[in-house]
Amino acid sequence: MGLGFTIINRLCSDVLSHMHLAYYITDREGIISRWGGDIDGLNLESPEAGTHIADALLFMSGILPLQ
């Protein structure tokens, strides 16, 4: 492994170790079916299945549904 890989690996490790990551899986209409990650660490409420993504995350309003 080269020095460049070592530097990039270290930078990514340092940056990601301080981040709280979460995800939501939706259908094409924006209805949440699954979610995970550190939702509590981001101070988000866990949605119920069937909730529209815009009701869980206001900034998603207008982004979904996909055409």
N, C-alpha and C. Protein backbone atom coordinates (compact mmCIF):
# COMPACT_ATOMS: atom_id res chain seq x y z
N MET A 1 0.84 -1.17 0.00
CA MET A 1 0.00 0.00 0.00
C MET A 1 0.89 1.24 0.00
N GLY A 2 0.46 2.20 -0.80
CA GLY A 2 1.24 3.41 -0.91
C GLY A 2 0.91 4.42 0.17
N LEU A 3 1.74 5.44 0.24
CA LEU A 3 1.55 6.51 1.22
C LEU A 3 0.22 7.23 1.00
N GLY A 4 -0.16 7.42 -0.28
CA GLY A 4 -1.42 8.10 -0.59
C GLY A 4 -2.61 7.36 0.00
N PHE A 5 -2.62 6.03 -0.14
CA PHE A 5 -3.71 5.23 0.41
C PHE A 5 -3.75 5.35 1.92
N THR A 6 -2.60 5.34 2.56
CA THR A 6 -2.53 5.46 4.01
C THR A 6 -3.08 6.79 4.49
N ILE A 7 -2.75 7.85 3.79
CA ILE A 7 -3.22 9.18 4.16
C ILE A 7 -4.74 9.28 3.97
N ILE A 8 -5.25 8.82 2.83
CA ILE A 8 -6.69 8.86 2.57
C ILE A 8 -7.44 8.00 3.58
N ASN A 9 -6.92 6.82 3.87
CA ASN A 9 -7.55 5.93 4.84
C ASN A 9 -7.63 6.60 6.21
N ARG A 10 -6.57 7.25 6.62
CA ARG A 10 -6.54 7.93 7.93
C ARG A 10 -7.52 9.10 7.97
N LEU A 11 -7.56 9.90 6.90
CA LEU A 11 -8.47 11.04 6.85
C LEU A 11 -9.93 10.58 6.90
N CYS A 12 -10.27 9.57 6.11
CA CYS A 12 -11.64 9.05 6.12
C CYS A 12 -12.00 8.48 7.48
N SER A 13 -11.09 7.78 8.09
CA SER A 13 -11.33 7.19 9.40
C SER A 13 -11.58 8.27 10.44
N ASP A 14 -10.77 9.32 10.43
CA ASP A 14 -10.93 10.40 11.39
C ASP A 14 -12.25 11.15 11.18
N VAL A 15 -12.60 11.43 9.94
CA VAL A 15 -13.83 12.17 9.65
C VAL A 15 -15.06 11.34 10.02
N LEU A 16 -15.10 10.09 9.58
CA LEU A 16 -16.27 9.26 9.80
C LEU A 16 -16.45 8.84 11.26
N SER A 17 -15.38 8.83 12.02
CA SER A 17 -15.51 8.41 13.42
C SER A 17 -16.29 9.43 14.26
N HIS A 18 -16.43 10.65 13.77
CA HIS A 18 -17.14 11.70 14.51
C HIS A 18 -18.53 11.97 13.93
N MET A 19 -18.93 11.22 12.92
CA MET A 19 -20.22 11.45 12.27
C MET A 19 -21.26 10.45 12.74
N HIS A 20 -22.48 10.89 12.74
CA HIS A 20 -23.62 10.02 13.02
C HIS A 20 -24.33 9.79 11.69
N LEU A 21 -24.36 8.55 11.25
CA LEU A 21 -24.97 8.23 9.97
C LEU A 21 -26.27 7.47 10.18
N ALA A 22 -27.26 7.80 9.36
CA ALA A 22 -28.55 7.12 9.42
C ALA A 22 -29.06 6.99 7.99
N TYR A 23 -30.00 6.07 7.79
CA TYR A 23 -30.58 5.90 6.46
C TYR A 23 -32.06 5.56 6.56
N TYR A 24 -32.77 5.89 5.49
CA TYR A 24 -34.18 5.55 5.33
C TYR A 24 -34.34 4.89 3.97
N ILE A 25 -35.07 3.81 3.90
CA ILE A 25 -35.37 3.15 2.64
C ILE A 25 -36.83 3.43 2.33
N THR A 26 -37.06 4.00 1.14
CA THR A 26 -38.42 4.36 0.73
C THR A 26 -38.77 3.70 -0.59
N ASP A 27 -40.06 3.68 -0.89
CA ASP A 27 -40.49 3.26 -2.22
C ASP A 27 -40.47 4.49 -3.12
N ARG A 28 -40.93 4.34 -4.35
CA ARG A 28 -40.87 5.44 -5.31
C ARG A 28 -41.77 6.63 -4.94
N GLU A 29 -42.75 6.38 -4.08
CA GLU A 29 -43.62 7.46 -3.63
C GLU A 29 -43.12 8.16 -2.37
N GLY A 30 -42.03 7.66 -1.81
CA GLY A 30 -41.46 8.29 -0.62
C GLY A 30 -41.96 7.70 0.69
N ILE A 31 -42.62 6.55 0.64
CA ILE A 31 -43.11 5.90 1.85
C ILE A 31 -41.98 5.07 2.47
N ILE A 32 -41.70 5.33 3.73
CA ILE A 32 -40.60 4.65 4.43
C ILE A 32 -40.98 3.21 4.74
N SER A 33 -40.09 2.29 4.36
CA SER A 33 -40.32 0.88 4.70
C SER A 33 -39.33 0.40 5.76
N ARG A 34 -38.12 0.93 5.72
CA ARG A 34 -37.10 0.55 6.71
C ARG A 34 -36.19 1.74 6.97
N TRP A 35 -35.51 1.68 8.10
CA TRP A 35 -34.56 2.73 8.48
C TRP A 35 -33.54 2.12 9.43
N GLY A 36 -32.44 2.83 9.62
CA GLY A 36 -31.42 2.33 10.53
C GLY A 36 -30.31 3.33 10.73
N GLY A 37 -29.26 2.89 11.36
CA GLY A 37 -28.14 3.76 11.67
C GLY A 37 -28.35 4.44 13.02
N ASP A 38 -27.66 5.53 13.21
CA ASP A 38 -27.68 6.24 14.49
C ASP A 38 -28.72 7.35 14.48
N ILE A 39 -29.99 6.97 14.36
CA ILE A 39 -31.07 7.94 14.32
C ILE A 39 -31.15 8.72 15.63
N ASP A 40 -30.95 8.05 16.76
CA ASP A 40 -30.97 8.74 18.05
C ASP A 40 -29.83 9.74 18.17
N GLY A 41 -28.65 9.40 17.64
CA GLY A 41 -27.50 10.29 17.69
C GLY A 41 -27.71 11.57 16.90
N LEU A 42 -28.63 11.52 15.93
CA LEU A 42 -28.97 12.69 15.13
C LEU A 42 -30.21 13.42 15.67
N ASN A 43 -30.68 12.95 16.82
CA ASN A 43 -31.88 13.53 17.46
C ASN A 43 -33.10 13.48 16.54
N LEU A 44 -33.23 12.38 15.81
CA LEU A 44 -34.40 12.16 14.96
C LEU A 44 -35.30 11.12 15.62
N GLU A 45 -36.58 11.24 15.41
CA GLU A 45 -37.51 10.24 15.91
C GLU A 45 -37.57 9.09 14.92
N SER A 46 -37.66 7.88 15.43
CA SER A 46 -37.83 6.71 14.55
C SER A 46 -39.23 6.75 13.97
N PRO A 47 -39.33 6.72 12.65
CA PRO A 47 -40.66 6.77 12.04
C PRO A 47 -41.35 5.41 12.12
N GLU A 48 -42.63 5.40 11.85
CA GLU A 48 -43.35 4.14 11.73
C GLU A 48 -43.35 3.76 10.26
N ALA A 49 -43.37 2.45 9.99
CA ALA A 49 -43.46 1.99 8.60
C ALA A 49 -44.72 2.58 7.99
N GLY A 50 -44.61 3.06 6.79
CA GLY A 50 -45.75 3.68 6.11
C GLY A 50 -45.76 5.19 6.18
N THR A 51 -44.85 5.77 6.95
CA THR A 51 -44.73 7.22 7.05
C THR A 51 -44.08 7.77 5.79
N HIS A 52 -44.55 8.91 5.31
CA HIS A 52 -43.91 9.54 4.15
C HIS A 52 -42.61 10.20 4.62
N ILE A 53 -41.58 10.12 3.80
CA ILE A 53 -40.25 10.65 4.18
C ILE A 53 -40.31 12.13 4.52
N ALA A 54 -41.18 12.90 3.85
CA ALA A 54 -41.29 14.34 4.14
C ALA A 54 -41.89 14.60 5.51
N ASP A 55 -42.66 13.64 6.04
CA ASP A 55 -43.19 13.79 7.40
C ASP A 55 -42.13 13.50 8.45
N ALA A 56 -41.13 12.69 8.08
CA ALA A 56 -40.04 12.37 9.02
C ALA A 56 -38.90 13.37 8.91
N LEU A 57 -38.63 13.82 7.69
CA LEU A 57 -37.54 14.76 7.43
C LEU A 57 -38.08 15.89 6.55
N LEU A 58 -38.36 17.02 7.15
CA LEU A 58 -39.01 18.12 6.44
C LEU A 58 -38.26 18.54 5.17
N PHE A 59 -36.94 18.51 5.20
CA PHE A 59 -36.17 18.96 4.04
C PHE A 59 -36.34 18.05 2.82
N MET A 60 -36.95 16.87 3.00
CA MET A 60 -37.21 15.98 1.87
C MET A 60 -38.48 16.34 1.12
N SER A 61 -39.24 17.28 1.63
CA SER A 61 -40.48 17.71 0.98
C SER A 61 -40.17 18.26 -0.41
N GLY A 62 -40.85 17.73 -1.41
CA GLY A 62 -40.63 18.17 -2.79
C GLY A 62 -39.59 17.36 -3.53
N ILE A 63 -38.76 16.60 -2.83
CA ILE A 63 -37.76 15.78 -3.50
C ILE A 63 -38.38 14.47 -3.97
N LEU A 64 -39.23 13.89 -3.13
CA LEU A 64 -39.91 12.65 -3.50
C LEU A 64 -41.40 12.96 -3.64
N PRO A 65 -42.16 12.34 -4.47
CA PRO A 65 -41.87 11.10 -5.16
C PRO A 65 -41.02 11.29 -6.41
N LEU A 66 -40.38 10.21 -6.79
CA LEU A 66 -39.59 10.19 -8.02
C LEU A 66 -40.52 9.99 -9.22
N GLN A 67 -40.16 10.54 -10.32
CA GLN A 67 -40.96 10.35 -11.55
C GLN A 67 -40.37 9.24 -12.37
